[in-house]
Every structure is written in structure tokens, then in C-alpha cells.
Amino acid sequence: MSEENQPYHKVKSDIWEALVKNLPLPDLGSVLNRPITPTEVYYLLQQFATLTIWDVYNLDSPGELVPMNLPGMSPHYHVYDRGCCIVGTPKELFSHERTLVDALNTARAMADEIQKRGWVIEFAGFDKMVRAAWVELQVLGQTQGKTIEILHFNPSERDLKIVEAQLRSQSTGPSPGQEI
């Protein structure tokens, strides 16, 4: 257990002990007034994860929200076509049903749509959604022979390895007896 979580666990333990023994609850000020950790900030970013994919050569302002229903997108996300960009955003900000997988599936679905449109693009949004969309575009570009130009994104070594692994798994196909 990390040291930064020990005060929280102590207060939690004290609360349960008070409830079990029918004693007054301990002072919660230490929980409410403690500093916010980077992990908690990242959790909030993940919960409110959005992705915008811009058509960089379309200089129009974003237009009306036109809802899209893309194959593979999460039912916990909205995707809108705004003319010069496509935006993916959570439906209910405080939903505990939505997970990171929902964000990543929506990012991949958005990337599939961008591949069809052939835009030169730029990403804005949650880093894991950006990476998932980038990987999807690289795989689609390799398999379809049509690469999308992406400005201002520098993939990490890990991103490149993920693309390699995806392409390798597609080229080998399922093993005998494995379902497709």
C-alpha cells in the first residue's frame, strides 16, 4: 500500500469500526482536506475523456452537432460530426458503467470514419484515446494501402510496437480451432 493512501485507509477503517461498534463517526476533515493526488486527477481525465479529430485544412468553424452512430463505438459515448472535426464525448459524465475500454472503442470507431474520409488530421483530447485512434489509423493504412497524414503527433516506441503486433496478428490470422 502506498504511503499517500495510508491516511485514507486509516480513516476508512475507523469509520467501519465506528459503524460496527455503534460509536460516533470519526472526524472526516482529514479525508476532505487532504491534497489531491496525480492519480486522482488522471482518473478524472479518464472519466471525462473526450477526443476531437480535426480536418486540418478545413478552416471553417465547427458547425452544428450532427450525431453519428459509428460501427464499434461505445453506447456510453456520443460522437458528433461538426463539419471540420469529429468529436467523441461521454454521454453521462458521472456514469460508473463507462470504462476506459468504452473510450478506446469510440476512438477506434472515429479513426475508422476518418480513414474513410481521407482527411489530413490533428488530434486533441485524452492521451489514451489519441493513441488508440493513431494505432487504428496506422493499421488501417497498412492493410488498406491508404495512409492518413497526421500532424503534430509523435508516436512512442511502445506505440510503434503495438502497431507491429496488430499487423502481425492480422497477417497470421486465427490459429486452428480458434474462433474468428
N, C-alpha and C. Protein backbone atom coordinates (compact mmCIF):
# COMPACT_ATOMS: atom_id res chain seq x y z
N MET A 1 0.85 -1.17 0.00
CA MET A 1 0.00 0.00 0.00
C MET A 1 0.90 1.24 0.00
N SER A 2 0.59 2.21 -0.85
CA SER A 2 1.43 3.41 -0.92
C SER A 2 1.20 4.29 0.31
N GLU A 3 2.22 5.06 0.62
CA GLU A 3 2.15 5.93 1.78
C GLU A 3 1.08 7.00 1.63
N GLU A 4 0.86 7.48 0.40
CA GLU A 4 -0.12 8.55 0.20
C GLU A 4 -1.55 8.06 0.48
N ASN A 5 -1.82 6.76 0.39
CA ASN A 5 -3.15 6.22 0.64
C ASN A 5 -3.36 5.76 2.07
N GLN A 6 -2.30 5.70 2.89
CA GLN A 6 -2.43 5.21 4.25
C GLN A 6 -3.41 6.04 5.10
N PRO A 7 -3.38 7.37 5.06
CA PRO A 7 -4.35 8.14 5.85
C PRO A 7 -5.79 7.82 5.44
N TYR A 8 -6.02 7.67 4.17
CA TYR A 8 -7.36 7.35 3.68
C TYR A 8 -7.81 5.99 4.22
N HIS A 9 -6.93 5.00 4.15
CA HIS A 9 -7.28 3.66 4.62
C HIS A 9 -7.50 3.65 6.14
N LYS A 10 -6.74 4.46 6.87
CA LYS A 10 -6.92 4.56 8.33
C LYS A 10 -8.30 5.13 8.64
N VAL A 11 -8.68 6.21 7.97
CA VAL A 11 -9.99 6.83 8.21
C VAL A 11 -11.10 5.86 7.82
N LYS A 12 -10.94 5.18 6.69
CA LYS A 12 -11.93 4.19 6.24
C LYS A 12 -12.09 3.09 7.29
N SER A 13 -10.98 2.60 7.80
CA SER A 13 -11.02 1.56 8.84
C SER A 13 -11.71 2.08 10.09
N ASP A 14 -11.39 3.33 10.50
CA ASP A 14 -12.01 3.92 11.69
C ASP A 14 -13.52 4.08 11.50
N ILE A 15 -13.95 4.45 10.31
CA ILE A 15 -15.39 4.61 10.03
C ILE A 15 -16.10 3.27 10.16
N TRP A 16 -15.52 2.22 9.55
CA TRP A 16 -16.15 0.90 9.64
C TRP A 16 -16.20 0.40 11.09
N GLU A 17 -15.13 0.65 11.81
CA GLU A 17 -15.09 0.23 13.21
C GLU A 17 -16.18 0.95 14.00
N ALA A 18 -16.35 2.26 13.77
CA ALA A 18 -17.38 3.03 14.47
C ALA A 18 -18.77 2.52 14.11
N LEU A 19 -18.99 2.19 12.85
CA LEU A 19 -20.29 1.67 12.43
C LEU A 19 -20.60 0.32 13.06
N VAL A 20 -19.60 -0.56 13.08
CA VAL A 20 -19.79 -1.90 13.66
C VAL A 20 -20.05 -1.81 15.16
N LYS A 21 -19.34 -0.92 15.85
CA LYS A 21 -19.46 -0.83 17.32
C LYS A 21 -20.49 0.21 17.75
N ASN A 22 -21.20 0.81 16.77
CA ASN A 22 -22.22 1.83 17.06
C ASN A 22 -21.65 3.02 17.84
N LEU A 23 -20.46 3.48 17.43
CA LEU A 23 -19.80 4.62 18.04
C LEU A 23 -19.96 5.84 17.13
N PRO A 24 -19.68 7.05 17.64
CA PRO A 24 -19.74 8.23 16.77
C PRO A 24 -18.69 8.13 15.66
N LEU A 25 -19.03 8.67 14.50
CA LEU A 25 -18.09 8.64 13.37
C LEU A 25 -16.88 9.53 13.66
N PRO A 26 -15.70 9.13 13.20
CA PRO A 26 -14.51 9.97 13.39
C PRO A 26 -14.59 11.23 12.52
N ASP A 27 -13.72 12.18 12.82
CA ASP A 27 -13.67 13.43 12.06
C ASP A 27 -13.24 13.14 10.62
N LEU A 28 -14.04 13.59 9.65
CA LEU A 28 -13.75 13.35 8.24
C LEU A 28 -12.93 14.48 7.60
N GLY A 29 -12.58 15.46 8.40
CA GLY A 29 -11.81 16.59 7.87
C GLY A 29 -10.50 16.18 7.22
N SER A 30 -9.86 15.15 7.77
CA SER A 30 -8.58 14.71 7.20
C SER A 30 -8.76 14.13 5.80
N VAL A 31 -9.92 13.53 5.53
CA VAL A 31 -10.19 12.99 4.20
C VAL A 31 -10.54 14.11 3.22
N LEU A 32 -11.38 15.02 3.69
CA LEU A 32 -11.86 16.08 2.80
C LEU A 32 -10.81 17.15 2.52
N ASN A 33 -9.87 17.35 3.43
CA ASN A 33 -8.88 18.41 3.28
C ASN A 33 -7.51 17.93 2.82
N ARG A 34 -7.40 16.68 2.45
CA ARG A 34 -6.10 16.16 2.02
C ARG A 34 -5.80 16.65 0.59
N PRO A 35 -4.54 16.69 0.21
CA PRO A 35 -4.20 17.12 -1.15
C PRO A 35 -4.64 16.08 -2.20
N ILE A 36 -4.99 16.55 -3.36
CA ILE A 36 -5.40 15.68 -4.46
C ILE A 36 -4.14 15.10 -5.09
N THR A 37 -4.17 13.81 -5.39
CA THR A 37 -3.00 13.13 -5.95
C THR A 37 -3.05 13.15 -7.48
N PRO A 38 -1.90 13.00 -8.13
CA PRO A 38 -1.88 12.91 -9.60
C PRO A 38 -2.73 11.74 -10.12
N THR A 39 -2.79 10.66 -9.38
CA THR A 39 -3.61 9.51 -9.78
C THR A 39 -5.08 9.89 -9.84
N GLU A 40 -5.53 10.66 -8.87
CA GLU A 40 -6.92 11.09 -8.85
C GLU A 40 -7.23 12.05 -9.99
N VAL A 41 -6.31 12.93 -10.31
CA VAL A 41 -6.50 13.84 -11.44
C VAL A 41 -6.59 13.05 -12.74
N TYR A 42 -5.71 12.07 -12.90
CA TYR A 42 -5.72 11.25 -14.11
C TYR A 42 -7.01 10.43 -14.20
N TYR A 43 -7.51 9.95 -13.07
CA TYR A 43 -8.78 9.22 -13.06
C TYR A 43 -9.90 10.12 -13.58
N LEU A 44 -9.94 11.37 -13.13
CA LEU A 44 -10.97 12.30 -13.61
C LEU A 44 -10.82 12.56 -15.10
N LEU A 45 -9.59 12.73 -15.57
CA LEU A 45 -9.37 12.90 -17.00
C LEU A 45 -9.89 11.70 -17.78
N GLN A 46 -9.65 10.51 -17.26
CA GLN A 46 -10.11 9.29 -17.90
C GLN A 46 -11.64 9.22 -17.89
N GLN A 47 -12.27 9.60 -16.78
CA GLN A 47 -13.73 9.55 -16.69
C GLN A 47 -14.38 10.54 -17.65
N PHE A 48 -13.76 11.68 -17.87
CA PHE A 48 -14.33 12.71 -18.72
C PHE A 48 -13.64 12.74 -20.09
N ALA A 49 -13.06 11.62 -20.49
CA ALA A 49 -12.24 11.54 -21.70
C ALA A 49 -13.02 11.92 -22.96
N THR A 50 -12.46 12.85 -23.70
CA THR A 50 -13.02 13.25 -24.99
C THR A 50 -11.92 13.17 -26.04
N LEU A 51 -12.36 13.10 -27.28
CA LEU A 51 -11.42 13.11 -28.40
C LEU A 51 -12.02 13.94 -29.51
N THR A 52 -11.20 14.83 -30.05
CA THR A 52 -11.58 15.60 -31.23
C THR A 52 -10.55 15.31 -32.31
N ILE A 53 -11.03 14.97 -33.48
CA ILE A 53 -10.15 14.76 -34.63
C ILE A 53 -10.48 15.84 -35.64
N TRP A 54 -9.50 16.70 -35.89
CA TRP A 54 -9.68 17.87 -36.76
C TRP A 54 -9.27 17.58 -38.19
N ASP A 55 -10.03 18.09 -39.13
CA ASP A 55 -9.66 18.13 -40.53
C ASP A 55 -8.84 19.42 -40.68
N VAL A 56 -7.51 19.30 -40.67
CA VAL A 56 -6.66 20.49 -40.52
C VAL A 56 -6.76 21.49 -41.66
N TYR A 57 -7.15 21.06 -42.84
CA TYR A 57 -7.23 22.00 -43.94
C TYR A 57 -8.62 22.59 -44.13
N ASN A 58 -9.55 22.21 -43.27
CA ASN A 58 -10.88 22.80 -43.27
C ASN A 58 -10.86 23.91 -42.23
N LEU A 59 -10.82 25.15 -42.67
CA LEU A 59 -10.68 26.28 -41.76
C LEU A 59 -12.01 26.83 -41.27
N ASP A 60 -13.11 26.14 -41.58
CA ASP A 60 -14.42 26.56 -41.07
C ASP A 60 -14.48 26.37 -39.57
N SER A 61 -15.33 27.15 -38.93
CA SER A 61 -15.61 26.94 -37.50
C SER A 61 -16.45 25.68 -37.36
N PRO A 62 -16.34 25.01 -36.21
CA PRO A 62 -17.19 23.84 -36.00
C PRO A 62 -18.67 24.21 -36.16
N GLY A 63 -19.39 23.41 -36.91
CA GLY A 63 -20.80 23.67 -37.18
C GLY A 63 -21.70 22.97 -36.19
N GLU A 64 -22.94 22.78 -36.62
CA GLU A 64 -23.96 22.13 -35.81
C GLU A 64 -23.51 20.75 -35.36
N LEU A 65 -24.06 20.30 -34.25
CA LEU A 65 -23.79 18.94 -33.77
C LEU A 65 -24.65 17.97 -34.58
N VAL A 66 -24.00 17.15 -35.38
CA VAL A 66 -24.72 16.13 -36.13
C VAL A 66 -24.35 14.78 -35.52
N PRO A 67 -25.29 14.17 -34.80
CA PRO A 67 -24.98 12.89 -34.15
C PRO A 67 -24.60 11.82 -35.16
N MET A 68 -23.63 11.00 -34.78
CA MET A 68 -23.19 9.90 -35.63
C MET A 68 -23.35 8.60 -34.85
N ASN A 69 -23.66 7.53 -35.56
CA ASN A 69 -23.73 6.21 -34.95
C ASN A 69 -22.73 5.35 -35.71
N LEU A 70 -21.51 5.31 -35.21
CA LEU A 70 -20.43 4.62 -35.91
C LEU A 70 -20.35 3.16 -35.47
N PRO A 71 -20.08 2.26 -36.40
CA PRO A 71 -19.89 0.86 -36.01
C PRO A 71 -18.73 0.74 -35.03
N GLY A 72 -18.95 0.04 -33.94
CA GLY A 72 -17.89 -0.19 -32.96
C GLY A 72 -17.80 0.83 -31.85
N MET A 73 -18.50 1.97 -31.97
CA MET A 73 -18.42 2.97 -30.90
C MET A 73 -19.17 2.48 -29.67
N SER A 74 -18.79 2.98 -28.52
CA SER A 74 -19.42 2.59 -27.26
C SER A 74 -20.80 3.21 -27.13
N PRO A 75 -21.74 2.47 -26.55
CA PRO A 75 -23.06 3.05 -26.27
C PRO A 75 -23.00 4.11 -25.16
N HIS A 76 -21.86 4.22 -24.49
CA HIS A 76 -21.70 5.22 -23.42
C HIS A 76 -21.11 6.53 -23.93
N TYR A 77 -20.94 6.65 -25.25
CA TYR A 77 -20.35 7.84 -25.85
C TYR A 77 -21.27 8.42 -26.92
N HIS A 78 -21.18 9.75 -27.07
CA HIS A 78 -21.76 10.45 -28.21
C HIS A 78 -20.61 10.72 -29.18
N VAL A 79 -20.89 10.63 -30.48
CA VAL A 79 -19.93 11.08 -31.48
C VAL A 79 -20.69 12.05 -32.38
N TYR A 80 -20.09 13.21 -32.60
CA TYR A 80 -20.72 14.25 -33.40
C TYR A 80 -19.83 14.64 -34.56
N ASP A 81 -20.44 14.85 -35.70
CA ASP A 81 -19.76 15.45 -36.85
C ASP A 81 -20.02 16.94 -36.75
N ARG A 82 -18.95 17.74 -36.72
CA ARG A 82 -19.09 19.20 -36.64
C ARG A 82 -18.63 19.87 -37.92
N GLY A 83 -18.47 19.09 -39.00
CA GLY A 83 -18.03 19.64 -40.27
C GLY A 83 -16.53 19.60 -40.41
N CYS A 84 -15.85 20.39 -39.60
CA CYS A 84 -14.38 20.46 -39.66
C CYS A 84 -13.72 19.51 -38.66
N CYS A 85 -14.53 18.81 -37.89
CA CYS A 85 -13.99 17.87 -36.91
C CYS A 85 -15.05 16.86 -36.51
N ILE A 86 -14.57 15.79 -35.91
CA ILE A 86 -15.45 14.79 -35.31
C ILE A 86 -15.09 14.75 -33.83
N VAL A 87 -16.13 14.76 -32.97
CA VAL A 87 -15.93 14.84 -31.53
C VAL A 87 -16.58 13.63 -30.86
N GLY A 88 -15.83 12.97 -29.98
CA GLY A 88 -16.35 11.89 -29.15
C GLY A 88 -16.35 12.34 -27.71
N THR A 89 -17.50 12.20 -27.05
CA THR A 89 -17.63 12.68 -25.68
C THR A 89 -18.53 11.74 -24.87
N PRO A 90 -18.26 11.57 -23.57
CA PRO A 90 -19.09 10.69 -22.76
C PRO A 90 -20.54 11.17 -22.69
N LYS A 91 -21.48 10.21 -22.64
CA LYS A 91 -22.90 10.55 -22.53
C LYS A 91 -23.22 11.07 -21.13
N GLU A 92 -22.87 10.32 -20.12
CA GLU A 92 -23.15 10.72 -18.74
C GLU A 92 -21.82 10.83 -18.01
N LEU A 93 -21.44 12.05 -17.66
CA LEU A 93 -20.12 12.28 -17.09
C LEU A 93 -19.85 11.46 -15.84
N PHE A 94 -20.83 11.24 -15.01
CA PHE A 94 -20.58 10.57 -13.74
C PHE A 94 -21.00 9.11 -13.74
N SER A 95 -21.12 8.52 -14.92
CA SER A 95 -21.50 7.11 -15.03
C SER A 95 -20.35 6.22 -14.57
N HIS A 96 -20.68 5.23 -13.74
CA HIS A 96 -19.69 4.26 -13.32
C HIS A 96 -19.69 3.05 -14.23
N GLU A 97 -20.64 3.02 -15.18
CA GLU A 97 -20.69 1.92 -16.14
C GLU A 97 -19.67 2.10 -17.25
N ARG A 98 -19.33 3.34 -17.55
CA ARG A 98 -18.38 3.64 -18.62
C ARG A 98 -16.96 3.34 -18.14
N THR A 99 -16.20 2.65 -18.98
CA THR A 99 -14.83 2.31 -18.63
C THR A 99 -13.88 2.88 -19.68
N LEU A 100 -12.61 2.67 -19.46
CA LEU A 100 -11.60 3.09 -20.42
C LEU A 100 -11.80 2.37 -21.75
N VAL A 101 -12.25 1.14 -21.71
CA VAL A 101 -12.50 0.38 -22.95
C VAL A 101 -13.53 1.09 -23.82
N ASP A 102 -14.54 1.69 -23.20
CA ASP A 102 -15.55 2.44 -23.96
C ASP A 102 -14.90 3.61 -24.70
N ALA A 103 -14.01 4.31 -24.03
CA ALA A 103 -13.31 5.43 -24.65
C ALA A 103 -12.44 4.95 -25.82
N LEU A 104 -11.72 3.86 -25.61
CA LEU A 104 -10.82 3.36 -26.66
C LEU A 104 -11.59 2.82 -27.86
N ASN A 105 -12.69 2.12 -27.62
CA ASN A 105 -13.51 1.62 -28.73
C ASN A 105 -14.09 2.78 -29.54
N THR A 106 -14.50 3.83 -28.86
CA THR A 106 -15.04 5.00 -29.55
C THR A 106 -13.94 5.68 -30.37
N ALA A 107 -12.75 5.78 -29.82
CA ALA A 107 -11.63 6.38 -30.55
C ALA A 107 -11.32 5.58 -31.82
N ARG A 108 -11.34 4.26 -31.72
CA ARG A 108 -11.08 3.42 -32.90
C ARG A 108 -12.18 3.59 -33.95
N ALA A 109 -13.43 3.66 -33.49
CA ALA A 109 -14.54 3.87 -34.43
C ALA A 109 -14.41 5.21 -35.14
N MET A 110 -13.99 6.23 -34.40
CA MET A 110 -13.78 7.55 -35.01
C MET A 110 -12.65 7.49 -36.03
N ALA A 111 -11.59 6.76 -35.70
CA ALA A 111 -10.46 6.61 -36.63
C ALA A 111 -10.91 5.91 -37.91
N ASP A 112 -11.76 4.90 -37.79
CA ASP A 112 -12.29 4.21 -38.98
C ASP A 112 -13.03 5.20 -39.89
N GLU A 113 -13.81 6.08 -39.28
CA GLU A 113 -14.55 7.09 -40.06
C GLU A 113 -13.58 8.05 -40.75
N ILE A 114 -12.55 8.47 -40.05
CA ILE A 114 -11.55 9.38 -40.62
C ILE A 114 -10.84 8.71 -41.79
N GLN A 115 -10.54 7.42 -41.65
CA GLN A 115 -9.89 6.68 -42.73
C GLN A 115 -10.75 6.74 -43.99
N LYS A 116 -12.05 6.59 -43.83
CA LYS A 116 -12.97 6.66 -44.98
C LYS A 116 -12.98 8.04 -45.60
N ARG A 117 -12.88 9.07 -44.77
CA ARG A 117 -12.94 10.45 -45.27
C ARG A 117 -11.63 10.90 -45.91
N GLY A 118 -10.52 10.31 -45.49
CA GLY A 118 -9.24 10.66 -46.07
C GLY A 118 -8.71 12.03 -45.67
N TRP A 119 -9.11 12.53 -44.52
CA TRP A 119 -8.66 13.83 -44.06
C TRP A 119 -7.18 13.81 -43.68
N VAL A 120 -6.54 14.98 -43.75
CA VAL A 120 -5.26 15.22 -43.07
C VAL A 120 -5.70 15.72 -41.70
N ILE A 121 -5.20 15.10 -40.63
CA ILE A 121 -5.80 15.35 -39.32
C ILE A 121 -4.81 15.80 -38.25
N GLU A 122 -5.42 16.25 -37.17
CA GLU A 122 -4.72 16.56 -35.93
C GLU A 122 -5.63 16.12 -34.79
N PHE A 123 -5.04 15.56 -33.75
CA PHE A 123 -5.80 15.09 -32.60
C PHE A 123 -5.82 16.12 -31.48
N ALA A 124 -6.89 16.12 -30.69
CA ALA A 124 -6.95 16.85 -29.43
C ALA A 124 -7.79 16.01 -28.49
N GLY A 125 -7.27 15.77 -27.29
CA GLY A 125 -8.07 15.03 -26.33
C GLY A 125 -7.24 14.15 -25.42
N PHE A 126 -7.93 13.21 -24.81
CA PHE A 126 -7.35 12.31 -23.83
C PHE A 126 -6.28 11.45 -24.48
N ASP A 127 -5.10 11.38 -23.86
CA ASP A 127 -3.94 10.75 -24.48
C ASP A 127 -4.18 9.30 -24.90
N LYS A 128 -4.87 8.53 -24.10
CA LYS A 128 -5.09 7.12 -24.47
C LYS A 128 -6.05 6.99 -25.65
N MET A 129 -7.00 7.90 -25.75
CA MET A 129 -7.90 7.89 -26.92
C MET A 129 -7.12 8.29 -28.17
N VAL A 130 -6.26 9.28 -28.04
CA VAL A 130 -5.43 9.72 -29.17
C VAL A 130 -4.56 8.56 -29.66
N ARG A 131 -3.92 7.87 -28.73
CA ARG A 131 -3.04 6.75 -29.10
C ARG A 131 -3.83 5.62 -29.75
N ALA A 132 -5.01 5.30 -29.22
CA ALA A 132 -5.84 4.23 -29.80
C ALA A 132 -6.25 4.58 -31.22
N ALA A 133 -6.63 5.84 -31.45
CA ALA A 133 -7.01 6.29 -32.79
C ALA A 133 -5.81 6.26 -33.72
N TRP A 134 -4.65 6.69 -33.24
CA TRP A 134 -3.45 6.69 -34.07
C TRP A 134 -3.08 5.26 -34.48
N VAL A 135 -3.10 4.34 -33.53
CA VAL A 135 -2.77 2.94 -33.83
C VAL A 135 -3.75 2.40 -34.87
N GLU A 136 -5.04 2.65 -34.66
CA GLU A 136 -6.05 2.17 -35.61
C GLU A 136 -5.80 2.72 -37.01
N LEU A 137 -5.44 3.99 -37.11
CA LEU A 137 -5.17 4.59 -38.42
C LEU A 137 -3.93 3.99 -39.08
N GLN A 138 -2.93 3.65 -38.28
CA GLN A 138 -1.73 3.03 -38.84
C GLN A 138 -2.04 1.65 -39.38
N VAL A 139 -2.80 0.87 -38.62
CA VAL A 139 -3.16 -0.48 -39.05
C VAL A 139 -4.04 -0.41 -40.30
N LEU A 140 -5.03 0.47 -40.29
CA LEU A 140 -5.89 0.62 -41.47
C LEU A 140 -5.08 1.07 -42.68
N GLY A 141 -4.16 1.99 -42.47
CA GLY A 141 -3.32 2.48 -43.57
C GLY A 141 -2.49 1.37 -44.19
N GLN A 142 -1.92 0.51 -43.34
CA GLN A 142 -1.11 -0.60 -43.84
C GLN A 142 -1.96 -1.64 -44.55
N THR A 143 -3.12 -1.98 -43.97
CA THR A 143 -3.94 -3.04 -44.55
C THR A 143 -4.70 -2.58 -45.78
N GLN A 144 -5.03 -1.28 -45.85
CA GLN A 144 -5.80 -0.77 -46.99
C GLN A 144 -4.93 -0.06 -48.03
N GLY A 145 -3.65 0.14 -47.70
CA GLY A 145 -2.76 0.82 -48.62
C GLY A 145 -3.08 2.30 -48.80
N LYS A 146 -3.69 2.89 -47.80
CA LYS A 146 -4.09 4.31 -47.88
C LYS A 146 -3.78 4.96 -46.54
N THR A 147 -2.64 5.64 -46.45
CA THR A 147 -2.19 6.23 -45.20
C THR A 147 -2.77 7.63 -45.02
N ILE A 148 -3.20 7.91 -43.81
CA ILE A 148 -3.72 9.22 -43.45
C ILE A 148 -2.57 10.04 -42.86
N GLU A 149 -2.43 11.29 -43.30
CA GLU A 149 -1.41 12.17 -42.74
C GLU A 149 -1.91 12.73 -41.42
N ILE A 150 -1.07 12.60 -40.39
CA ILE A 150 -1.41 13.06 -39.05
C ILE A 150 -0.37 14.08 -38.61
N LEU A 151 -0.81 15.29 -38.33
CA LEU A 151 0.09 16.35 -37.93
C LEU A 151 0.23 16.39 -36.40
N HIS A 152 1.39 16.80 -35.94
CA HIS A 152 1.68 17.07 -34.53
C HIS A 152 1.44 15.88 -33.61
N PHE A 153 1.76 14.69 -34.08
CA PHE A 153 1.72 13.51 -33.21
C PHE A 153 2.99 12.74 -33.42
N ASN A 154 3.72 12.51 -32.35
CA ASN A 154 4.95 11.74 -32.40
C ASN A 154 4.74 10.45 -31.61
N PRO A 155 4.64 9.33 -32.30
CA PRO A 155 4.40 8.07 -31.59
C PRO A 155 5.62 7.67 -30.75
N SER A 156 5.32 7.00 -29.66
CA SER A 156 6.40 6.47 -28.82
C SER A 156 6.84 5.13 -29.40
N GLU A 157 7.93 4.60 -28.87
CA GLU A 157 8.39 3.27 -29.28
C GLU A 157 7.31 2.23 -28.99
N ARG A 158 6.63 2.42 -27.87
CA ARG A 158 5.56 1.50 -27.48
C ARG A 158 4.42 1.54 -28.50
N ASP A 159 4.06 2.73 -28.97
CA ASP A 159 3.01 2.85 -29.98
C ASP A 159 3.39 2.08 -31.25
N LEU A 160 4.64 2.21 -31.66
CA LEU A 160 5.10 1.52 -32.87
C LEU A 160 5.06 0.01 -32.69
N LYS A 161 5.41 -0.45 -31.48
CA LYS A 161 5.36 -1.90 -31.20
C LYS A 161 3.92 -2.41 -31.21
N ILE A 162 2.99 -1.60 -30.74
CA ILE A 162 1.58 -2.00 -30.75
C ILE A 162 1.10 -2.16 -32.19
N VAL A 163 1.47 -1.22 -33.05
CA VAL A 163 1.09 -1.31 -34.46
C VAL A 163 1.68 -2.58 -35.08
N GLU A 164 2.96 -2.82 -34.81
CA GLU A 164 3.62 -4.04 -35.32
C GLU A 164 2.89 -5.29 -34.87
N ALA A 165 2.54 -5.35 -33.61
CA ALA A 165 1.84 -6.53 -33.07
C ALA A 165 0.47 -6.69 -33.69
N GLN A 166 -0.24 -5.58 -33.88
CA GLN A 166 -1.56 -5.63 -34.52
C GLN A 166 -1.46 -6.16 -35.94
N LEU A 167 -0.49 -5.65 -36.68
CA LEU A 167 -0.31 -6.09 -38.08
C LEU A 167 0.10 -7.56 -38.13
N ARG A 168 0.97 -7.97 -37.22
CA ARG A 168 1.42 -9.36 -37.17
C ARG A 168 0.25 -10.29 -36.87
N SER A 169 -0.61 -9.89 -35.92
CA SER A 169 -1.74 -10.75 -35.56
C SER A 169 -2.76 -10.82 -36.68
N GLN A 170 -2.88 -9.76 -37.47
CA GLN A 170 -3.81 -9.78 -38.61
C GLN A 170 -3.28 -10.65 -39.74
N SER A 171 -1.96 -10.64 -39.92
CA SER A 171 -1.39 -11.40 -41.04
C SER A 171 -1.35 -12.90 -40.75
N THR A 172 -1.25 -13.27 -39.49
CA THR A 172 -1.21 -14.69 -39.16
C THR A 172 -2.61 -15.27 -39.06
N GLY A 173 -3.60 -14.43 -38.74
CA GLY A 173 -4.98 -14.92 -38.63
C GLY A 173 -5.15 -15.79 -37.40
N PRO A 174 -6.35 -16.31 -37.22
CA PRO A 174 -6.61 -17.14 -36.04
C PRO A 174 -5.91 -18.49 -36.18
N SER A 175 -5.52 -19.03 -35.03
CA SER A 175 -4.89 -20.36 -35.04
C SER A 175 -5.98 -21.42 -35.25
N PRO A 176 -5.61 -22.61 -35.69
CA PRO A 176 -6.61 -23.66 -35.94
C PRO A 176 -7.45 -23.91 -34.69
N GLY A 177 -8.75 -23.97 -34.88
CA GLY A 177 -9.66 -24.21 -33.76
C GLY A 177 -10.06 -22.94 -33.02
N GLN A 178 -9.41 -21.80 -33.33
CA GLN A 178 -9.74 -20.54 -32.67
C GLN A 178 -10.86 -19.87 -33.44
N GLU A 179 -11.83 -19.32 -32.70
CA GLU A 179 -12.95 -18.64 -33.36
C GLU A 179 -12.50 -17.32 -33.95
N ILE A 180 -13.18 -16.93 -34.99
CA ILE A 180 -12.87 -15.64 -35.63
C ILE A 180 -13.68 -14.56 -34.98
